[in-house]
């Protein structure tokens, strides 16, 4: 799991943000994009699934899932990747749904 934190324009929807990320990923060889709405804690989120064939002639695919949530002027992306989609995506969903944005002290 990797957590990215970026500046966020609160006027942009999660769908627009997700579409922008998808364009970047497509340029890096990822494909088969699907999105779904989700909830992370009490926040509305968006989930993006995608994949890419393994490199260097190795058979199989690299399967990825990213979750997008925002908090004011910050966007968080929770990223996961595996070669074993069937066994891992349920775990990723449980992990992402436990993610919490704590108030600053």
N, C-alpha and C. Protein backbone atom coordinates (compact mmCIF):
# COMPACT_ATOMS: atom_id res chain seq x y z
N UNK A 1 0.85 -1.18 0.00
CA UNK A 1 0.00 0.00 0.00
C UNK A 1 0.89 1.23 0.00
N UNK A 2 0.45 2.21 -0.75
CA UNK A 2 1.13 3.50 -0.75
C UNK A 2 0.06 4.58 -0.63
N UNK A 3 0.38 5.62 0.13
CA UNK A 3 -0.55 6.74 0.31
C UNK A 3 0.08 7.97 -0.33
N UNK A 4 -0.65 8.57 -1.25
CA UNK A 4 -0.23 9.83 -1.87
C UNK A 4 -1.09 10.94 -1.30
N UNK A 5 -0.48 12.10 -1.07
CA UNK A 5 -1.22 13.28 -0.63
C UNK A 5 -0.84 14.41 -1.57
N UNK A 6 -1.86 15.02 -2.18
CA UNK A 6 -1.65 16.08 -3.16
C UNK A 6 -2.50 17.29 -2.81
N UNK A 7 -2.10 18.46 -3.29
CA UNK A 7 -3.00 19.62 -3.19
C UNK A 7 -4.29 19.30 -3.97
N UNK A 8 -5.40 19.84 -3.51
CA UNK A 8 -6.69 19.56 -4.13
C UNK A 8 -7.45 20.85 -4.37
N UNK A 9 -8.05 20.96 -5.54
CA UNK A 9 -8.97 22.05 -5.84
C UNK A 9 -10.35 21.58 -5.39
N UNK A 10 -10.90 22.15 -4.31
CA UNK A 10 -12.19 21.69 -3.79
C UNK A 10 -13.33 21.83 -4.80
N UNK A 11 -13.12 22.60 -5.87
CA UNK A 11 -14.15 22.76 -6.90
C UNK A 11 -14.15 21.62 -7.91
N UNK A 12 -13.13 20.75 -7.88
CA UNK A 12 -13.07 19.61 -8.80
C UNK A 12 -13.70 18.39 -8.14
N UNK A 13 -14.50 17.69 -8.90
CA UNK A 13 -15.13 16.47 -8.37
C UNK A 13 -14.11 15.33 -8.33
N UNK A 14 -14.42 14.31 -7.55
CA UNK A 14 -13.57 13.13 -7.51
C UNK A 14 -13.48 12.49 -8.90
N UNK A 15 -14.57 12.53 -9.65
CA UNK A 15 -14.58 11.95 -11.00
C UNK A 15 -13.57 12.66 -11.89
N UNK A 16 -13.52 13.97 -11.84
CA UNK A 16 -12.55 14.73 -12.64
C UNK A 16 -11.13 14.38 -12.22
N UNK A 17 -10.88 14.32 -10.92
CA UNK A 17 -9.55 13.96 -10.42
C UNK A 17 -9.16 12.56 -10.88
N UNK A 18 -10.09 11.63 -10.77
CA UNK A 18 -9.84 10.25 -11.18
C UNK A 18 -9.56 10.18 -12.69
N UNK A 19 -10.31 10.91 -13.48
CA UNK A 19 -10.08 10.94 -14.93
C UNK A 19 -8.69 11.46 -15.26
N UNK A 20 -8.23 12.48 -14.54
CA UNK A 20 -6.89 13.02 -14.77
C UNK A 20 -5.82 11.97 -14.46
N UNK A 21 -5.98 11.26 -13.35
CA UNK A 21 -5.03 10.19 -12.99
C UNK A 21 -5.07 9.09 -14.03
N UNK A 22 -6.25 8.74 -14.49
CA UNK A 22 -6.39 7.69 -15.49
C UNK A 22 -5.64 8.03 -16.77
N UNK A 23 -5.70 9.28 -17.20
CA UNK A 23 -4.97 9.71 -18.40
C UNK A 23 -3.46 9.54 -18.21
N UNK A 24 -2.96 9.88 -17.05
CA UNK A 24 -1.53 9.73 -16.76
C UNK A 24 -1.15 8.25 -16.80
N UNK A 25 -1.96 7.41 -16.14
CA UNK A 25 -1.67 5.98 -16.09
C UNK A 25 -1.75 5.33 -17.47
N UNK A 26 -2.70 5.75 -18.28
CA UNK A 26 -2.83 5.22 -19.65
C UNK A 26 -1.56 5.52 -20.45
N UNK A 27 -0.98 6.68 -20.22
CA UNK A 27 0.26 7.04 -20.89
C UNK A 27 1.45 6.21 -20.45
N UNK A 28 1.29 5.50 -19.33
CA UNK A 28 2.36 4.64 -18.81
C UNK A 28 2.07 3.16 -19.08
N UNK A 29 1.08 2.89 -19.95
CA UNK A 29 0.82 1.52 -20.36
C UNK A 29 -0.26 0.79 -19.59
N UNK A 30 -0.90 1.45 -18.64
CA UNK A 30 -2.00 0.81 -17.90
C UNK A 30 -3.27 0.88 -18.72
N UNK A 31 -4.19 -0.07 -18.50
CA UNK A 31 -5.43 -0.13 -19.28
C UNK A 31 -6.53 -0.79 -18.46
N UNK A 32 -7.65 -1.04 -19.11
CA UNK A 32 -8.80 -1.73 -18.51
C UNK A 32 -9.29 -1.02 -17.26
N UNK A 33 -9.52 0.27 -17.39
CA UNK A 33 -9.94 1.10 -16.26
C UNK A 33 -11.42 0.92 -15.96
N UNK A 34 -11.75 0.76 -14.69
CA UNK A 34 -13.13 0.77 -14.23
C UNK A 34 -13.18 1.59 -12.94
N UNK A 35 -14.27 2.29 -12.75
CA UNK A 35 -14.44 3.11 -11.55
C UNK A 35 -15.71 2.70 -10.82
N UNK A 36 -15.72 2.96 -9.52
CA UNK A 36 -16.91 2.71 -8.71
C UNK A 36 -16.89 3.66 -7.53
N UNK A 37 -18.07 4.08 -7.12
CA UNK A 37 -18.18 4.90 -5.92
C UNK A 37 -18.00 4.02 -4.71
N UNK A 38 -17.45 4.59 -3.66
CA UNK A 38 -17.23 3.86 -2.41
C UNK A 38 -17.29 4.83 -1.26
N UNK A 39 -17.16 4.33 -0.06
CA UNK A 39 -17.09 5.16 1.15
C UNK A 39 -15.85 4.76 1.92
N UNK A 40 -15.07 5.75 2.31
CA UNK A 40 -13.88 5.55 3.13
C UNK A 40 -14.16 6.27 4.44
N UNK A 41 -14.34 5.51 5.52
CA UNK A 41 -14.79 6.13 6.76
C UNK A 41 -16.17 6.72 6.52
N UNK A 42 -16.31 8.01 6.79
CA UNK A 42 -17.59 8.69 6.53
C UNK A 42 -17.55 9.52 5.26
N UNK A 43 -16.48 9.37 4.49
CA UNK A 43 -16.30 10.21 3.29
C UNK A 43 -16.65 9.46 2.01
N UNK A 44 -17.26 10.19 1.08
CA UNK A 44 -17.48 9.64 -0.25
C UNK A 44 -16.12 9.48 -0.92
N UNK A 45 -15.96 8.39 -1.63
CA UNK A 45 -14.71 8.14 -2.33
C UNK A 45 -14.98 7.55 -3.69
N UNK A 46 -13.92 7.42 -4.44
CA UNK A 46 -14.00 6.82 -5.77
C UNK A 46 -12.88 5.80 -5.87
N UNK A 47 -13.19 4.66 -6.47
CA UNK A 47 -12.24 3.56 -6.60
C UNK A 47 -11.93 3.39 -8.09
N UNK A 48 -10.66 3.20 -8.41
CA UNK A 48 -10.23 3.00 -9.79
C UNK A 48 -9.44 1.70 -9.87
N UNK A 49 -9.91 0.76 -10.69
CA UNK A 49 -9.19 -0.48 -10.95
C UNK A 49 -8.57 -0.40 -12.34
N UNK A 50 -7.38 -0.98 -12.48
CA UNK A 50 -6.69 -0.99 -13.78
C UNK A 50 -5.60 -2.04 -13.75
N UNK A 51 -5.03 -2.33 -14.91
CA UNK A 51 -3.97 -3.33 -14.95
C UNK A 51 -2.97 -3.03 -16.05
N UNK A 52 -1.91 -3.84 -16.05
CA UNK A 52 -0.84 -3.69 -17.03
C UNK A 52 -0.13 -5.03 -17.15
N UNK A 53 0.18 -5.45 -18.38
CA UNK A 53 0.96 -6.69 -18.50
C UNK A 53 2.31 -6.52 -17.81
N UNK A 54 2.81 -7.61 -17.22
CA UNK A 54 4.13 -7.57 -16.60
C UNK A 54 5.18 -7.25 -17.67
N UNK A 55 6.28 -6.72 -17.25
CA UNK A 55 7.34 -6.32 -18.17
C UNK A 55 8.37 -7.43 -18.37
N UNK A 56 9.26 -7.24 -19.30
CA UNK A 56 10.37 -8.14 -19.57
C UNK A 56 9.92 -9.54 -19.98
N UNK A 57 8.78 -9.64 -20.67
CA UNK A 57 8.34 -10.92 -21.19
C UNK A 57 7.79 -11.88 -20.17
N UNK A 58 7.58 -11.43 -18.94
CA UNK A 58 7.02 -12.30 -17.89
C UNK A 58 5.51 -12.37 -18.11
N UNK A 59 4.96 -13.58 -18.10
CA UNK A 59 3.52 -13.75 -18.32
C UNK A 59 2.73 -13.19 -17.15
N UNK A 60 1.52 -12.75 -17.42
CA UNK A 60 0.63 -12.28 -16.37
C UNK A 60 0.44 -10.78 -16.39
N UNK A 61 -0.28 -10.32 -15.40
CA UNK A 61 -0.61 -8.90 -15.28
C UNK A 61 -0.32 -8.39 -13.88
N UNK A 62 -0.15 -7.09 -13.82
CA UNK A 62 -0.04 -6.35 -12.58
C UNK A 62 -1.39 -5.66 -12.41
N UNK A 63 -2.15 -6.02 -11.36
CA UNK A 63 -3.47 -5.48 -11.11
C UNK A 63 -3.39 -4.42 -10.02
N UNK A 64 -4.05 -3.30 -10.26
CA UNK A 64 -3.96 -2.17 -9.32
C UNK A 64 -5.35 -1.66 -8.96
N UNK A 65 -5.42 -1.13 -7.76
CA UNK A 65 -6.64 -0.45 -7.30
C UNK A 65 -6.20 0.79 -6.55
N UNK A 66 -6.84 1.92 -6.87
CA UNK A 66 -6.60 3.16 -6.15
C UNK A 66 -7.92 3.71 -5.64
N UNK A 67 -7.86 4.28 -4.44
CA UNK A 67 -9.02 4.90 -3.82
C UNK A 67 -8.71 6.39 -3.70
N UNK A 68 -9.68 7.22 -4.04
CA UNK A 68 -9.52 8.67 -3.99
C UNK A 68 -10.51 9.26 -2.99
N UNK A 69 -9.99 10.08 -2.08
CA UNK A 69 -10.83 10.86 -1.17
C UNK A 69 -10.21 12.24 -1.02
N UNK A 70 -11.04 13.20 -0.65
CA UNK A 70 -10.54 14.56 -0.46
C UNK A 70 -10.94 15.08 0.91
N UNK A 71 -10.15 16.03 1.36
CA UNK A 71 -10.43 16.74 2.60
C UNK A 71 -10.00 18.18 2.36
N UNK A 72 -10.98 19.03 2.06
CA UNK A 72 -10.66 20.43 1.80
C UNK A 72 -9.69 20.60 0.65
N UNK A 73 -8.52 21.14 0.96
CA UNK A 73 -7.53 21.42 -0.10
C UNK A 73 -6.51 20.29 -0.25
N UNK A 74 -6.83 19.10 0.29
CA UNK A 74 -5.94 17.94 0.13
C UNK A 74 -6.69 16.77 -0.50
N UNK A 75 -5.99 16.05 -1.37
CA UNK A 75 -6.51 14.82 -1.96
C UNK A 75 -5.63 13.68 -1.52
N UNK A 76 -6.23 12.59 -1.14
CA UNK A 76 -5.50 11.39 -0.75
C UNK A 76 -5.80 10.30 -1.76
N UNK A 77 -4.76 9.61 -2.17
CA UNK A 77 -4.90 8.44 -3.04
C UNK A 77 -4.24 7.28 -2.32
N UNK A 78 -5.02 6.22 -2.11
CA UNK A 78 -4.51 4.99 -1.51
C UNK A 78 -4.29 4.02 -2.66
N UNK A 79 -3.06 3.57 -2.85
CA UNK A 79 -2.74 2.73 -4.00
C UNK A 79 -2.30 1.33 -3.60
N UNK A 80 -2.80 0.34 -4.34
CA UNK A 80 -2.47 -1.06 -4.10
C UNK A 80 -2.13 -1.72 -5.43
N UNK A 81 -1.28 -2.73 -5.39
CA UNK A 81 -0.96 -3.48 -6.60
C UNK A 81 -0.61 -4.92 -6.26
N UNK A 82 -0.96 -5.84 -7.17
CA UNK A 82 -0.72 -7.27 -6.94
C UNK A 82 -0.72 -8.02 -8.26
N UNK A 83 -0.19 -9.22 -8.22
CA UNK A 83 -0.31 -10.14 -9.36
C UNK A 83 -1.42 -11.15 -9.07
N UNK A 84 -2.04 -11.06 -7.90
CA UNK A 84 -3.04 -12.01 -7.45
C UNK A 84 -4.34 -11.28 -7.10
N UNK A 85 -5.00 -10.78 -8.12
CA UNK A 85 -6.20 -9.96 -7.94
C UNK A 85 -7.30 -10.68 -7.15
N UNK A 86 -7.55 -11.94 -7.47
CA UNK A 86 -8.66 -12.68 -6.86
C UNK A 86 -8.53 -12.76 -5.34
N UNK A 87 -7.32 -12.92 -4.86
CA UNK A 87 -7.12 -13.08 -3.42
C UNK A 87 -6.86 -11.78 -2.68
N UNK A 88 -6.50 -10.71 -3.38
CA UNK A 88 -6.04 -9.51 -2.68
C UNK A 88 -7.04 -8.35 -2.67
N UNK A 89 -7.90 -8.22 -3.67
CA UNK A 89 -8.71 -7.01 -3.76
C UNK A 89 -9.68 -6.87 -2.59
N UNK A 90 -10.18 -7.97 -2.03
CA UNK A 90 -11.06 -7.87 -0.86
C UNK A 90 -10.28 -7.31 0.33
N UNK A 91 -9.04 -7.76 0.51
CA UNK A 91 -8.19 -7.24 1.59
C UNK A 91 -7.93 -5.75 1.37
N UNK A 92 -7.63 -5.35 0.15
CA UNK A 92 -7.38 -3.93 -0.14
C UNK A 92 -8.59 -3.09 0.24
N UNK A 93 -9.79 -3.60 -0.09
CA UNK A 93 -10.99 -2.85 0.22
C UNK A 93 -11.15 -2.68 1.74
N UNK A 94 -10.91 -3.72 2.50
CA UNK A 94 -10.99 -3.62 3.96
C UNK A 94 -9.96 -2.63 4.50
N UNK A 95 -8.74 -2.69 3.96
CA UNK A 95 -7.69 -1.76 4.42
C UNK A 95 -8.07 -0.32 4.11
N UNK A 96 -8.51 -0.07 2.89
CA UNK A 96 -8.84 1.30 2.49
C UNK A 96 -10.00 1.84 3.32
N UNK A 97 -10.99 1.03 3.57
CA UNK A 97 -12.15 1.50 4.33
C UNK A 97 -11.81 1.82 5.79
N UNK A 98 -10.65 1.34 6.26
CA UNK A 98 -10.23 1.67 7.63
C UNK A 98 -9.38 2.94 7.67
N UNK A 99 -9.06 3.53 6.51
CA UNK A 99 -8.23 4.74 6.44
C UNK A 99 -8.99 5.89 7.09
N UNK A 100 -8.28 6.66 7.90
CA UNK A 100 -8.87 7.79 8.60
C UNK A 100 -8.03 9.03 8.41
N UNK A 101 -8.66 10.15 8.18
CA UNK A 101 -7.95 11.43 8.16
C UNK A 101 -8.18 12.06 9.53
N UNK A 102 -7.11 12.16 10.28
CA UNK A 102 -7.22 12.70 11.64
C UNK A 102 -7.12 14.22 11.62
N UNK A 103 -7.84 14.88 12.54
CA UNK A 103 -7.74 16.34 12.61
C UNK A 103 -6.34 16.74 13.04
N UNK A 104 -5.90 17.90 12.52
CA UNK A 104 -4.60 18.42 12.92
C UNK A 104 -4.64 18.89 14.36
N UNK A 105 -3.52 18.75 15.03
CA UNK A 105 -3.45 19.20 16.43
C UNK A 105 -2.71 20.49 16.54
